[in-house]
C-alpha atoms as a PDB file:
ATOM      1  CA  MET A   1      -0.120   0.565   0.201  1.00  0.00           C
ATOM      2  CA  PRO A   2       1.080   3.405  -0.782  1.00  0.00           C
ATOM      3  CA  ARG A   3       2.441   5.730   2.036  1.00  0.00           C
ATOM      4  CA  VAL A   4       2.011   9.650   2.942  1.00  0.00           C
ATOM      5  CA  LYS A   5       3.790  11.036   4.718  1.00  0.00           C
ATOM      6  CA  PHE A   6       1.835  14.679   6.179  1.00  0.00           C
ATOM      7  CA  ILE A   7       3.835  17.618   7.583  1.00  0.00           C
ATOM      8  CA  ALA A   8       2.012  19.599   9.703  1.00  0.00           C
ATOM      9  CA  ALA A   9       2.738  23.367   9.546  1.00  0.00           C
ATOM     10  CA  ASP A  10       4.636  22.807  13.341  1.00  0.00           C
ATOM     11  CA  GLY A  11       6.536  20.103  11.554  1.00  0.00           C
ATOM     12  CA  THR A  12       5.019  17.416  12.737  1.00  0.00           C
ATOM     13  CA  GLN A  13       5.184  14.309  10.930  1.00  0.00           C
ATOM     14  CA  TYR A  14       2.139  11.776   9.799  1.00  0.00           C
ATOM     15  CA  VAL A  15       2.964   9.054   8.250  1.00  0.00           C
ATOM     16  CA  VAL A  16       0.066   6.920   7.245  1.00  0.00           C
ATOM     17  CA  GLU A  17      -0.826   3.988   4.446  1.00  0.00           C
ATOM     18  CA  ALA A  18      -3.596   3.793   2.552  1.00  0.00           C
ATOM     19  CA  PRO A  19      -4.911   1.349  -0.847  1.00  0.00           C
ATOM     20  CA  ALA A  20      -4.076   2.532  -4.494  1.00  0.00           C
ATOM     21  CA  GLY A  21      -6.759   4.260  -5.366  1.00  0.00           C
ATOM     22  CA  THR A  22      -7.001   6.331  -2.635  1.00  0.00           C
ATOM     23  CA  SER A  23      -7.359   9.872  -2.503  1.00  0.00           C
ATOM     24  CA  VAL A  24      -4.635  12.185  -0.846  1.00  0.00           C
ATOM     25  CA  MET A  25      -8.032  13.537   0.991  1.00  0.00           C
ATOM     26  CA  ARG A  26      -9.300  10.014   1.767  1.00  0.00           C
ATOM     27  CA  ALA A  27      -6.625   9.181   3.332  1.00  0.00           C
ATOM     28  CA  ALA A  28      -6.029  11.418   6.099  1.00  0.00           C
ATOM     29  CA  LEU A  29      -9.014  11.511   7.125  1.00  0.00           C
ATOM     30  CA  ASP A  30      -9.194   7.679   7.445  1.00  0.00           C
ATOM     31  CA  ASN A  31      -6.719   8.837   9.077  1.00  0.00           C
ATOM     32  CA  GLY A  32      -7.713  11.454  12.173  1.00  0.00           C
ATOM     33  CA  ILE A  33      -4.963  13.612  10.117  1.00  0.00           C
ATOM     34  CA  LEU A  34      -6.006  17.548  11.829  1.00  0.00           C
ATOM     35  CA  GLY A  35      -6.049  19.808   8.821  1.00  0.00           C
ATOM     36  CA  ILE A  36      -7.537  17.751   6.076  1.00  0.00           C
ATOM     37  CA  ASP A  37     -11.564  18.726   6.381  1.00  0.00           C
ATOM     38  CA  GLY A  38     -12.750  17.094   3.084  1.00  0.00           C
ATOM     39  CA  ASP A  39     -16.401  18.963   3.999  1.00  0.00           C
ATOM     40  CA  CYS A  40     -17.055  18.314   0.423  1.00  0.00           C
ATOM     41  CA  GLY A  41     -16.884  14.512   0.596  1.00  0.00           C
ATOM     42  CA  GLY A  42     -14.110  14.732  -2.080  1.00  0.00           C
ATOM     43  CA  LEU A  43     -16.477  15.949  -4.978  1.00  0.00           C
ATOM     44  CA  CYS A  44     -13.401  19.056  -5.392  1.00  0.00           C
ATOM     45  CA  ALA A  45     -16.470  21.764  -4.144  1.00  0.00           C
ATOM     46  CA  CYS A  46     -14.874  23.214  -1.600  1.00  0.00           C
ATOM     47  CA  ALA A  47     -11.024  24.099  -0.820  1.00  0.00           C
ATOM     48  CA  THR A  48     -10.974  22.115   2.951  1.00  0.00           C
ATOM     49  CA  CYS A  49      -8.712  19.390   1.595  1.00  0.00           C
ATOM     50  CA  HIS A  50      -4.908  22.244   0.576  1.00  0.00           C
ATOM     51  CA  VAL A  51      -2.434  20.916   0.754  1.00  0.00           C
ATOM     52  CA  TYR A  52       0.598  21.689  -0.549  1.00  0.00           C
ATOM     53  CA  ILE A  53       2.837  18.951  -2.226  1.00  0.00           C
ATOM     54  CA  GLU A  54       6.790  18.468  -2.089  1.00  0.00           C
ATOM     55  CA  ALA A  55       8.420  20.222  -5.568  1.00  0.00           C
ATOM     56  CA  GLY A  56      10.237  16.208  -5.729  1.00  0.00           C
ATOM     57  CA  TRP A  57       6.601  14.318  -6.197  1.00  0.00           C
ATOM     58  CA  ALA A  58       4.753  16.901  -8.685  1.00  0.00           C
ATOM     59  CA  PRO A  59       5.686  14.675 -12.012  1.00  0.00           C
ATOM     60  CA  VAL A  60       4.322  12.016  -9.782  1.00  0.00           C
ATOM     61  CA  VAL A  61       0.667  12.711  -9.046  1.00  0.00           C
ATOM     62  CA  PRO A  62      -1.854  14.143 -11.594  1.00  0.00           C
ATOM     63  CA  GLU A  63      -2.048  17.067 -13.160  1.00  0.00           C
ATOM     64  CA  MET A  64      -4.515  20.111 -12.567  1.00  0.00           C
ATOM     65  CA  GLY A  65      -7.718  20.039 -13.726  1.00  0.00           C
ATOM     66  CA  SER A  66      -9.525  22.782 -13.877  1.00  0.00           C
ATOM     67  CA  GLN A  67     -12.080  22.467 -11.138  1.00  0.00           C
ATOM     68  CA  GLU A  68      -9.732  22.081  -8.787  1.00  0.00           C
ATOM     69  CA  ARG A  69      -7.698  25.308 -10.046  1.00  0.00           C
ATOM     70  CA  ASP A  70     -11.413  27.044  -9.870  1.00  0.00           C
ATOM     71  CA  MET A  71     -11.052  25.070  -6.409  1.00  0.00           C
ATOM     72  CA  LEU A  72      -8.344  26.402  -5.454  1.00  0.00           C
ATOM     73  CA  GLU A  73      -9.283  30.028  -5.793  1.00  0.00           C
ATOM     74  CA  LEU A  74     -11.391  29.802  -2.632  1.00  0.00           C
ATOM     75  CA  ALA A  75      -7.959  28.769  -0.783  1.00  0.00           C
ATOM     76  CA  TYR A  76      -6.122  30.594   1.792  1.00  0.00           C
ATOM     77  CA  GLU A  77      -2.156  31.624   1.067  1.00  0.00           C
ATOM     78  CA  VAL A  78      -2.273  29.273  -2.232  1.00  0.00           C
ATOM     79  CA  GLN A  79       1.268  29.037  -3.420  1.00  0.00           C
ATOM     80  CA  PRO A  80       2.276  26.516  -6.402  1.00  0.00           C
ATOM     81  CA  SER A  81       2.551  23.169  -4.826  1.00  0.00           C
ATOM     82  CA  SER A  82      -1.595  24.208  -4.024  1.00  0.00           C
ATOM     83  CA  ARG A  83      -3.269  21.329  -4.645  1.00  0.00           C
ATOM     84  CA  LEU A  84      -6.619  19.197  -3.234  1.00  0.00           C
ATOM     85  CA  GLY A  85      -6.169  16.233  -1.671  1.00  0.00           C
ATOM     86  CA  CYS A  86      -9.487  14.964  -2.996  1.00  0.00           C
ATOM     87  CA  GLN A  87      -7.636  15.461  -6.552  1.00  0.00           C
ATOM     88  CA  ILE A  88      -4.778  13.221  -6.326  1.00  0.00           C
ATOM     89  CA  GLU A  89      -5.358   9.426  -5.925  1.00  0.00           C
ATOM     90  CA  LEU A  90      -2.891   7.164  -4.475  1.00  0.00           C
ATOM     91  CA  THR A  91      -0.495   5.091  -6.711  1.00  0.00           C
ATOM     92  CA  VAL A  92       1.980   2.332  -6.234  1.00  0.00           C
ATOM     93  CA  ALA A  93       4.680   4.927  -8.069  1.00  0.00           C
ATOM     94  CA  ALA A  94       2.875   7.852  -5.613  1.00  0.00           C
ATOM     95  CA  ASP A  95       4.378   5.624  -2.165  1.00  0.00           C
ATOM     96  CA  GLY A  96       6.145   8.061   0.080  1.00  0.00           C
ATOM     97  CA  LEU A  97       4.490  11.041  -1.310  1.00  0.00           C
ATOM     98  CA  GLU A  98       4.914  14.553   1.134  1.00  0.00           C
ATOM     99  CA  VAL A  99       2.652  16.705   1.628  1.00  0.00           C
ATOM    100  CA  HIS A 100       2.444  19.490   4.181  1.00  0.00           C
ATOM    101  CA  LEU A 101      -0.419  21.058   5.726  1.00  0.00           C
ATOM    102  CA  PRO A 102      -1.289  24.933   5.579  1.00  0.00           C
ATOM    103  CA  LYS A 103      -0.922  25.965   8.379  1.00  0.00           C
ATOM    104  CA  TYR A 104      -4.345  28.315   8.844  1.00  0.00           C
ATOM    105  CA  GLN A 105      -5.943  24.284   8.823  1.00  0.00           C
ATOM    106  CA  ARG A 106      -6.029  22.833  12.287  1.00  0.00           C
END
Protein backbone atom coordinates (compact mmCIF):
# COMPACT_ATOMS: atom_id res chain seq x y z
CA MET A 1 0.00 0.00 0.00
CA PRO A 2 1.27 3.49 -0.77
CA ARG A 3 2.42 5.60 2.14
CA VAL A 4 1.77 9.33 2.53
CA LYS A 5 3.68 11.62 4.87
CA PHE A 6 1.57 14.52 6.12
CA ILE A 7 3.63 17.38 7.54
CA ALA A 8 1.73 19.83 9.75
CA ALA A 9 2.63 23.52 9.80
CA ASP A 10 4.35 23.00 13.18
CA GLY A 11 6.57 20.29 11.66
CA THR A 12 4.75 17.31 13.16
CA GLN A 13 4.84 14.39 10.73
CA TYR A 14 2.30 11.62 10.28
CA VAL A 15 2.90 8.67 7.97
CA VAL A 16 -0.13 6.65 6.93
CA GLU A 17 -0.78 3.82 4.49
CA ALA A 18 -3.78 3.68 2.18
CA PRO A 19 -4.82 1.41 -0.66
CA ALA A 20 -3.86 2.48 -4.17
CA GLY A 21 -6.72 4.46 -5.66
CA THR A 22 -7.45 6.28 -2.39
CA SER A 23 -7.28 10.06 -2.49
CA VAL A 24 -4.86 11.97 -0.27
CA MET A 25 -7.92 13.57 1.37
CA ARG A 26 -9.51 10.18 2.14
CA ALA A 27 -6.21 8.83 3.50
CA ALA A 28 -6.06 11.81 5.87
CA LEU A 29 -9.69 11.51 6.99
CA ASP A 30 -9.48 7.75 7.51
CA ASN A 31 -6.41 8.22 9.71
CA GLY A 32 -7.53 11.23 11.77
CA ILE A 33 -5.04 13.70 10.31
CA LEU A 34 -5.93 17.16 11.60
CA GLY A 35 -5.97 19.92 9.02
CA ILE A 36 -7.90 18.08 6.32
CA ASP A 37 -11.67 18.52 6.63
CA GLY A 38 -12.92 17.34 3.25
CA ASP A 39 -16.23 19.13 3.74
CA CYS A 40 -17.50 18.30 0.25
CA GLY A 41 -16.63 14.63 0.57
CA GLY A 42 -14.10 14.69 -2.24
CA LEU A 43 -16.29 16.22 -4.94
CA CYS A 44 -13.89 19.08 -5.66
CA ALA A 45 -16.50 21.57 -4.47
CA CYS A 46 -14.56 23.27 -1.67
CA ALA A 47 -10.95 23.83 -0.65
CA THR A 48 -10.88 22.21 2.80
CA CYS A 49 -8.37 19.57 1.71
CA HIS A 50 -5.80 22.10 0.47
CA VAL A 51 -2.24 20.77 0.68
CA TYR A 52 1.19 21.65 -0.63
CA ILE A 53 3.00 18.98 -2.62
CA GLU A 54 6.76 18.63 -2.21
CA ALA A 55 8.39 19.80 -5.47
CA GLY A 56 9.97 16.47 -6.32
CA TRP A 57 6.58 14.75 -6.26
CA ALA A 58 4.90 17.04 -8.82
CA PRO A 59 5.66 14.73 -11.79
CA VAL A 60 4.18 11.74 -9.94
CA VAL A 61 0.77 13.18 -9.08
CA PRO A 62 -1.91 13.78 -11.71
CA GLU A 63 -2.04 17.18 -13.41
CA MET A 64 -4.39 19.76 -11.99
CA GLY A 65 -7.70 20.09 -13.81
CA SER A 66 -9.68 23.26 -14.36
CA GLN A 67 -12.22 22.48 -11.62
CA GLU A 68 -9.45 22.03 -9.07
CA ARG A 69 -7.80 25.26 -10.24
CA ASP A 70 -11.12 27.10 -9.76
CA MET A 71 -11.60 25.67 -6.26
CA LEU A 72 -8.08 26.67 -5.23
CA GLU A 73 -9.12 30.27 -5.83
CA LEU A 74 -11.17 29.85 -2.63
CA ALA A 75 -8.19 28.66 -0.57
CA TYR A 76 -5.93 30.77 1.63
CA GLU A 77 -2.19 31.07 1.06
CA VAL A 78 -2.18 29.38 -2.33
CA GLN A 79 1.32 28.61 -3.58
CA PRO A 80 2.61 27.09 -6.82
CA SER A 81 2.69 23.71 -5.04
CA SER A 82 -0.96 23.96 -3.88
CA ARG A 83 -3.29 21.09 -4.67
CA LEU A 84 -6.56 19.70 -3.37
CA GLY A 85 -6.03 16.38 -1.64
CA CYS A 86 -9.30 15.02 -3.02
CA GLN A 87 -7.85 15.25 -6.54
CA ILE A 88 -4.66 13.32 -5.86
CA GLU A 89 -5.11 9.58 -6.17
CA LEU A 90 -2.48 7.43 -4.50
CA THR A 91 -0.57 5.03 -6.71
CA VAL A 92 2.33 2.65 -6.18
CA ALA A 93 4.52 5.28 -7.91
CA ALA A 94 3.41 7.81 -5.28
CA ASP A 95 4.58 5.66 -2.37
CA GLY A 96 6.20 8.02 0.14
CA LEU A 97 4.40 11.13 -1.15
CA GLU A 98 5.01 14.13 1.12
CA VAL A 99 2.33 16.76 1.57
CA HIS A 100 2.43 19.82 3.78
CA LEU A 101 -0.66 21.12 5.51
CA PRO A 102 -1.32 24.88 5.46
CA LYS A 103 -1.01 26.59 8.83
CA TYR A 104 -4.57 27.92 8.75
CA GLN A 105 -6.03 24.40 8.48
CA ARG A 106 -5.96 22.91 11.98
